[in-house]
Amino acid sequence: MYKTNRSLLYPPPYGDLFPVLSALKDYAGLLRFHHYIKNLLIFIPLFFSLGFFNLRALAVSVLGFVVFSLLSSIVYVLNDIRDIEKDRLHPAKRLRPLASGRIPLRHARLTLGILAGALLVLVSLLGILENRLSTWAGAGLLALYLALNIGYSYGLKNIPLVDITILASGYVIRVLFGALIIGTSISVWLYLVITLGAYYLGLGKRRNEITDTGGGSETRAVMRFYSHNFLDKNMYMCQALCVVFYALWSIDAATVQRLHTGAFVYTIPLVLIILLKYSLIIEGASDGDPTSVVLHDKVLLLLCAVYVIWAFCIIYLNRSIP
């Protein structure tokens, strides 16, 4: 067969767009734009503190979302640079822009410098808008996230349980950061829900990596310490505890008093269904990556959307239900 010359089908200037669009797609993959969905956790404290319509708090949370997105991209680029040779041996990761060679290593390093500069500017702006950051607590959380992930890239990911703990800590740090920058706190029960949910996701990710790589340690040395049996038992223990802690949060007197409603108890079955649906997906052909699981299953996305809408109605539209 003959190959069609795109420049004949799409004369300039449209023909020149294809390399540009392809490059943009590669850089979006390098920065992991699709993983920014995790940074929506920053809005949880805002949402449950009745501050969603507080424009100042909302603006600070949005800026915090951008700051954490830049920071997470820095971590992803650092990790890709560090693991470029191992990624080339992985059945899926070898297709990443850096491992495949579509983005040169020097360009990745330049991108890293640009991201770091932009991050410093935005952190300074966040400190001006919300002076709680000037107490160094917010900056400390950002530094902790960066330090943990650098440690992860440089060897901690090869220590069993430590690797999963670092993966889980990223979710918890996001929520704590979101609470700190708007000057609120989260319930102890809600903190436990997020922590156990994060461990559930981390264990599930490792479970499916064993399936994808056949348990080999060529692409990830720590995999030789794990088994399906170990990961399954502990994953579902975390799932069960997550539902229990959510139930305790929903009936806690402090929650009812703060939100002026006890209606969240009726959302417990939906939370259980969401977790069961997630488990069903990762026991199939999924790679176990939380972002991919959520974004590629329409039913799971719908269930999550129903929960968010229901929770919004309970908190902001109807707080009279006993």
Protein backbone atom coordinates (compact mmCIF):
# COMPACT_ATOMS: atom_id res chain seq x y z
CA MET A 1 0.00 0.00 0.00
CA TYR A 2 1.02 3.57 -0.63
CA LYS A 3 1.28 6.06 2.21
CA THR A 4 -0.73 9.23 1.88
CA ASN A 5 1.26 12.43 2.09
CA ARG A 6 -0.55 14.57 4.68
CA SER A 7 0.93 17.72 3.25
CA LEU A 8 -0.99 17.07 0.02
CA LEU A 9 -4.27 16.47 1.84
CA TYR A 10 -3.75 19.38 4.22
CA PRO A 11 -1.72 22.15 2.54
CA PRO A 12 -0.02 24.84 4.65
CA PRO A 13 -0.77 26.21 7.13
CA TYR A 14 -2.92 23.22 8.18
CA GLY A 15 -0.34 20.60 7.24
CA ASP A 16 2.14 22.16 9.67
CA LEU A 17 -0.25 21.63 12.56
CA PHE A 18 0.24 17.86 12.77
CA PRO A 19 3.83 17.93 14.15
CA VAL A 20 2.84 20.72 16.56
CA LEU A 21 -0.22 18.86 17.84
CA SER A 22 1.79 15.66 18.16
CA ALA A 23 4.47 17.46 20.18
CA LEU A 24 1.85 19.07 22.44
CA LYS A 25 0.32 15.66 23.04
CA ASP A 26 3.73 14.24 23.97
CA TYR A 27 4.43 17.04 26.44
CA ALA A 28 0.96 16.62 27.93
CA GLY A 29 1.86 12.97 28.43
CA LEU A 30 5.22 13.88 29.96
CA LEU A 31 3.54 16.25 32.44
CA ARG A 32 0.72 13.73 33.05
CA PHE A 33 -2.13 16.19 32.53
CA HIS A 34 -4.65 13.38 33.04
CA HIS A 35 -3.27 12.77 36.54
CA TYR A 36 -4.32 16.26 37.59
CA ILE A 37 -7.67 14.70 38.49
CA LYS A 38 -5.97 13.58 41.74
CA ASN A 39 -5.42 17.23 42.66
CA LEU A 40 -9.20 17.73 42.89
CA LEU A 41 -8.73 16.33 46.40
CA ILE A 42 -7.54 19.82 47.33
CA PHE A 43 -11.17 20.99 47.03
CA ILE A 44 -12.52 18.46 49.55
CA PRO A 45 -11.95 20.70 52.62
CA LEU A 46 -13.50 23.66 50.77
CA PHE A 47 -16.51 21.57 49.76
CA PHE A 48 -17.22 20.17 53.23
CA SER A 49 -16.51 23.45 55.05
CA LEU A 50 -19.52 25.13 53.41
CA GLY A 51 -17.13 27.48 51.62
CA PHE A 52 -17.82 26.58 48.00
CA PHE A 53 -19.48 29.95 47.34
CA ASN A 54 -16.84 31.93 49.22
CA LEU A 55 -15.08 33.49 46.23
CA ARG A 56 -11.84 34.23 48.07
CA ALA A 57 -11.56 30.70 49.45
CA LEU A 58 -12.50 29.29 46.05
CA ALA A 59 -9.81 31.39 44.32
CA VAL A 60 -7.19 30.26 46.84
CA SER A 61 -8.19 26.60 46.33
CA VAL A 62 -8.00 26.97 42.54
CA LEU A 63 -4.53 28.47 42.83
CA GLY A 64 -3.57 25.67 45.21
CA PHE A 65 -4.79 23.18 42.60
CA VAL A 66 -2.52 24.78 39.97
CA VAL A 67 0.44 24.82 42.38
CA PHE A 68 0.03 21.15 43.20
CA SER A 69 -0.43 20.29 39.52
CA LEU A 70 2.91 21.90 38.70
CA LEU A 71 4.55 20.12 41.62
CA SER A 72 3.14 16.74 40.60
CA SER A 73 4.35 17.29 37.02
CA ILE A 74 7.85 18.00 38.37
CA VAL A 75 7.71 14.69 40.23
CA TYR A 76 6.52 12.80 37.13
CA VAL A 77 9.27 14.28 34.93
CA LEU A 78 11.94 13.54 37.55
CA ASN A 79 10.69 9.98 37.84
CA ASP A 80 10.66 9.48 34.06
CA ILE A 81 14.22 10.81 33.77
CA ARG A 82 15.37 8.55 36.59
CA ASP A 83 13.60 5.41 35.29
CA ILE A 84 14.05 5.90 31.56
CA GLU A 85 15.98 2.64 31.04
CA LYS A 86 13.61 0.51 33.15
CA ASP A 87 10.59 2.09 31.49
CA ARG A 88 11.90 0.95 28.12
CA LEU A 89 11.57 -2.65 29.35
CA HIS A 90 7.98 -2.20 30.58
CA PRO A 91 5.18 -3.30 28.19
CA ALA A 92 3.22 -0.05 28.68
CA LYS A 93 5.71 2.48 30.02
CA ARG A 94 8.02 2.01 27.04
CA LEU A 95 5.47 4.01 25.03
CA ARG A 96 5.84 7.09 27.24
CA PRO A 97 7.21 10.18 25.43
CA LEU A 98 10.59 10.12 27.18
CA ALA A 99 11.17 6.35 27.18
CA SER A 100 10.17 6.09 23.51
CA GLY A 101 12.50 8.92 22.51
CA ARG A 102 9.78 11.21 21.19
CA ILE A 103 10.97 13.82 23.71
CA PRO A 104 14.77 14.15 24.03
CA LEU A 105 16.26 13.91 27.50
CA ARG A 106 17.65 17.47 27.31
CA HIS A 107 14.18 18.82 26.52
CA ALA A 108 12.76 17.00 29.54
CA ARG A 109 15.40 18.62 31.76
CA LEU A 110 14.62 22.05 30.29
CA THR A 111 10.91 21.44 30.96
CA LEU A 112 11.79 20.56 34.54
CA GLY A 113 13.53 23.92 35.00
CA ILE A 114 10.58 25.84 33.55
CA LEU A 115 8.14 24.01 35.84
CA ALA A 116 10.30 24.73 38.89
CA GLY A 117 10.42 28.46 38.05
CA ALA A 118 6.66 28.64 37.51
CA LEU A 119 6.08 26.77 40.79
CA LEU A 120 8.15 29.26 42.80
CA VAL A 121 6.24 32.19 41.29
CA LEU A 122 2.83 30.67 42.04
CA VAL A 123 3.77 29.61 45.58
CA SER A 124 4.82 33.22 46.22
CA LEU A 125 1.50 34.44 44.81
CA LEU A 126 -0.39 31.97 46.97
CA GLY A 127 1.49 33.25 50.01
CA ILE A 128 0.39 36.80 49.14
CA LEU A 129 -3.27 35.86 48.65
CA GLU A 130 -3.45 33.59 51.68
CA ASN A 131 -0.94 34.52 54.35
CA ARG A 132 -1.39 31.21 56.16
CA LEU A 133 1.18 29.90 53.71
CA SER A 134 3.66 32.36 55.21
CA THR A 135 3.68 30.23 58.37
CA TRP A 136 5.69 27.76 56.24
CA ALA A 137 3.20 24.99 56.96
CA GLY A 138 1.83 25.01 53.41
CA ALA A 139 5.29 25.25 51.89
CA GLY A 140 6.34 22.48 54.26
CA LEU A 141 3.65 20.16 52.91
CA LEU A 142 4.75 20.89 49.35
CA ALA A 143 8.37 20.21 50.32
CA LEU A 144 7.34 16.99 52.09
CA TYR A 145 5.49 15.78 49.00
CA LEU A 146 8.50 16.57 46.81
CA ALA A 147 10.98 14.97 49.23
CA LEU A 148 8.94 11.78 49.57
CA ASN A 149 8.63 11.42 45.81
CA ILE A 150 12.29 12.15 45.16
CA GLY A 151 13.11 9.53 47.79
CA TYR A 152 10.66 7.22 46.02
CA SER A 153 12.43 7.69 42.69
CA TYR A 154 15.88 7.21 44.23
CA GLY A 155 15.29 3.94 46.04
CA LEU A 156 12.42 4.03 48.51
CA LYS A 157 10.14 2.48 45.88
CA ASN A 158 12.20 -0.71 46.24
CA ILE A 159 11.29 -1.13 49.93
CA PRO A 160 8.05 -3.11 50.46
CA LEU A 161 5.22 -1.22 52.18
CA VAL A 162 7.27 1.99 52.16
CA ASP A 163 6.53 2.31 48.44
CA ILE A 164 2.77 1.94 49.00
CA THR A 165 2.87 4.32 51.96
CA ILE A 166 4.48 7.01 49.81
CA LEU A 167 1.85 6.47 47.11
CA ALA A 168 -0.90 6.79 49.73
CA SER A 169 0.68 9.84 51.36
CA GLY A 170 0.28 11.84 48.16
CA TYR A 171 -3.52 11.72 48.48
CA VAL A 172 -3.46 12.64 52.17
CA ILE A 173 -1.04 15.54 51.65
CA ARG A 174 -3.29 16.98 48.95
CA VAL A 175 -6.27 17.08 51.31
CA LEU A 176 -4.24 18.52 54.19
CA PHE A 177 -2.81 21.18 51.87
CA GLY A 178 -6.31 22.07 50.66
CA ALA A 179 -7.47 22.51 54.26
CA LEU A 180 -4.44 24.53 55.29
CA ILE A 181 -4.58 27.14 52.53
CA ILE A 182 -8.20 28.05 53.31
CA GLY A 183 -7.71 27.94 57.08
CA THR A 184 -10.02 25.06 57.91
CA SER A 185 -9.63 21.57 59.35
CA ILE A 186 -10.95 18.15 58.42
CA SER A 187 -12.67 15.64 60.65
CA VAL A 188 -10.56 12.84 62.11
CA TRP A 189 -13.00 10.36 60.59
CA LEU A 190 -12.71 12.00 57.18
CA TYR A 191 -8.93 11.93 57.48
CA LEU A 192 -9.11 8.18 58.18
CA VAL A 193 -11.44 7.67 55.20
CA ILE A 194 -8.93 9.37 52.90
CA THR A 195 -5.94 7.52 54.41
CA LEU A 196 -7.49 4.06 54.17
CA GLY A 197 -8.91 4.86 50.73
CA ALA A 198 -5.42 5.91 49.60
CA TYR A 199 -3.91 2.63 50.84
CA TYR A 200 -6.69 0.75 49.05
CA LEU A 201 -5.75 2.48 45.77
CA GLY A 202 -2.02 1.92 46.29
CA LEU A 203 -2.43 -1.78 47.06
CA GLY A 204 -4.73 -2.17 44.05
CA LYS A 205 -2.13 -0.53 41.81
CA ARG A 206 0.57 -2.95 42.94
CA ARG A 207 -1.82 -5.88 42.53
CA ASN A 208 -2.38 -5.17 38.87
CA GLU A 209 1.28 -4.44 38.20
CA ILE A 210 1.99 -8.03 39.25
CA THR A 211 -0.58 -9.19 36.70
CA ASP A 212 0.79 -6.98 33.91
CA THR A 213 4.46 -7.89 34.41
CA GLY A 214 3.95 -11.49 35.46
CA GLY A 215 5.46 -10.73 38.87
CA GLY A 216 8.85 -9.98 37.36
CA SER A 217 11.26 -7.54 38.99
CA GLU A 218 12.89 -6.25 35.81
CA THR A 219 10.72 -3.13 35.75
CA ARG A 220 10.07 -2.75 39.50
CA ALA A 221 12.33 -4.54 42.01
CA VAL A 222 9.83 -4.33 44.89
CA MET A 223 7.36 -6.59 43.09
CA ARG A 224 9.24 -9.70 44.20
CA PHE A 225 8.14 -9.02 47.78
CA TYR A 226 4.41 -8.94 46.96
CA SER A 227 1.88 -11.59 46.04
CA HIS A 228 -1.71 -11.44 44.84
CA ASN A 229 -2.84 -13.08 48.07
CA PHE A 230 -1.14 -10.50 50.30
CA LEU A 231 -2.30 -7.52 48.24
CA ASP A 232 -5.88 -8.80 47.90
CA LYS A 233 -6.34 -9.39 51.65
CA ASN A 234 -4.97 -6.02 52.67
CA MET A 235 -6.65 -4.13 49.83
CA TYR A 236 -10.08 -5.34 50.90
CA MET A 237 -9.29 -4.76 54.57
CA CYS A 238 -8.61 -1.12 53.68
CA GLN A 239 -11.79 -1.00 51.61
CA ALA A 240 -13.87 -2.27 54.53
CA LEU A 241 -12.27 0.17 57.00
CA CYS A 242 -12.80 3.01 54.55
CA VAL A 243 -16.56 2.33 54.49
CA VAL A 244 -16.66 1.95 58.29
CA PHE A 245 -14.86 5.25 58.88
CA TYR A 246 -17.10 6.99 56.34
CA ALA A 247 -20.15 5.68 58.19
CA LEU A 248 -18.72 6.90 61.50
CA TRP A 249 -18.04 10.32 59.95
CA SER A 250 -21.58 10.56 58.60
CA ILE A 251 -23.22 9.89 61.99
CA ASP A 252 -20.67 11.76 64.10
CA ALA A 253 -22.28 14.47 66.21
CA ALA A 254 -19.65 17.00 65.11
CA THR A 255 -20.46 16.32 61.43
CA VAL A 256 -24.20 16.64 62.00
CA GLN A 257 -23.73 19.86 63.95
CA ARG A 258 -21.31 21.39 61.44
CA LEU A 259 -23.37 20.54 58.35
CA HIS A 260 -26.75 20.89 60.09
CA THR A 261 -27.85 17.53 58.70
CA GLY A 262 -27.52 13.82 59.27
CA ALA A 263 -28.42 12.97 55.69
CA PHE A 264 -24.96 11.71 54.76
CA VAL A 265 -25.83 8.40 56.38
CA TYR A 266 -28.00 7.71 53.30
CA THR A 267 -24.96 8.00 51.00
CA ILE A 268 -23.14 5.07 52.65
CA PRO A 269 -24.57 2.45 50.22
CA LEU A 270 -23.48 4.59 47.26
CA VAL A 271 -19.93 4.87 48.64
CA LEU A 272 -19.86 1.08 49.05
CA ILE A 273 -21.10 0.59 45.47
CA ILE A 274 -18.40 2.94 44.13
CA LEU A 275 -15.68 0.97 45.91
CA LEU A 276 -17.15 -2.35 44.77
CA LYS A 277 -17.29 -1.12 41.19
CA TYR A 278 -13.66 0.02 41.43
CA SER A 279 -12.67 -3.43 42.76
CA LEU A 280 -14.54 -5.13 39.93
CA ILE A 281 -12.62 -3.05 37.38
CA ILE A 282 -9.14 -3.65 38.77
CA GLU A 283 -9.76 -7.38 39.01
CA GLY A 284 -10.31 -7.34 35.27
CA ALA A 285 -7.94 -6.17 32.55
CA SER A 286 -7.16 -2.79 34.12
CA ASP A 287 -3.58 -1.74 34.87
CA GLY A 288 -4.71 -0.64 38.34
CA ASP A 289 -3.73 3.00 37.92
CA PRO A 290 -6.44 4.99 39.79
CA THR A 291 -6.57 7.79 37.20
CA SER A 292 -6.95 5.38 34.28
CA VAL A 293 -9.59 3.36 36.13
CA VAL A 294 -11.74 6.40 36.90
CA LEU A 295 -11.38 8.13 33.53
CA HIS A 296 -11.97 5.06 31.38
CA ASP A 297 -15.07 3.61 33.03
CA LYS A 298 -18.28 5.52 32.32
CA VAL A 299 -20.30 3.74 34.99
CA LEU A 300 -17.75 4.55 37.69
CA LEU A 301 -17.60 8.15 36.51
CA LEU A 302 -21.40 8.34 36.66
CA LEU A 303 -21.48 6.91 40.18
CA CYS A 304 -18.87 9.43 41.35
CA ALA A 305 -20.82 12.26 39.71
CA VAL A 306 -24.02 11.13 41.45
CA TYR A 307 -22.23 11.17 44.80
CA VAL A 308 -20.83 14.67 44.24
CA ILE A 309 -24.24 16.04 43.18
CA TRP A 310 -25.99 14.32 46.08
CA ALA A 311 -23.42 15.60 48.58
CA PHE A 312 -23.72 19.11 47.13
CA CYS A 313 -27.49 19.03 47.55
CA ILE A 314 -27.21 17.77 51.14
CA ILE A 315 -24.70 20.44 52.16
CA TYR A 316 -25.83 23.48 50.21
CA LEU A 317 -29.49 22.98 49.26
CA ASN A 318 -31.14 20.91 51.95
CA ARG A 319 -29.82 20.73 55.50
CA SER A 320 -33.16 20.04 57.15
CA ILE A 321 -33.07 16.23 56.87
CA PRO A 322 -32.60 14.83 60.41
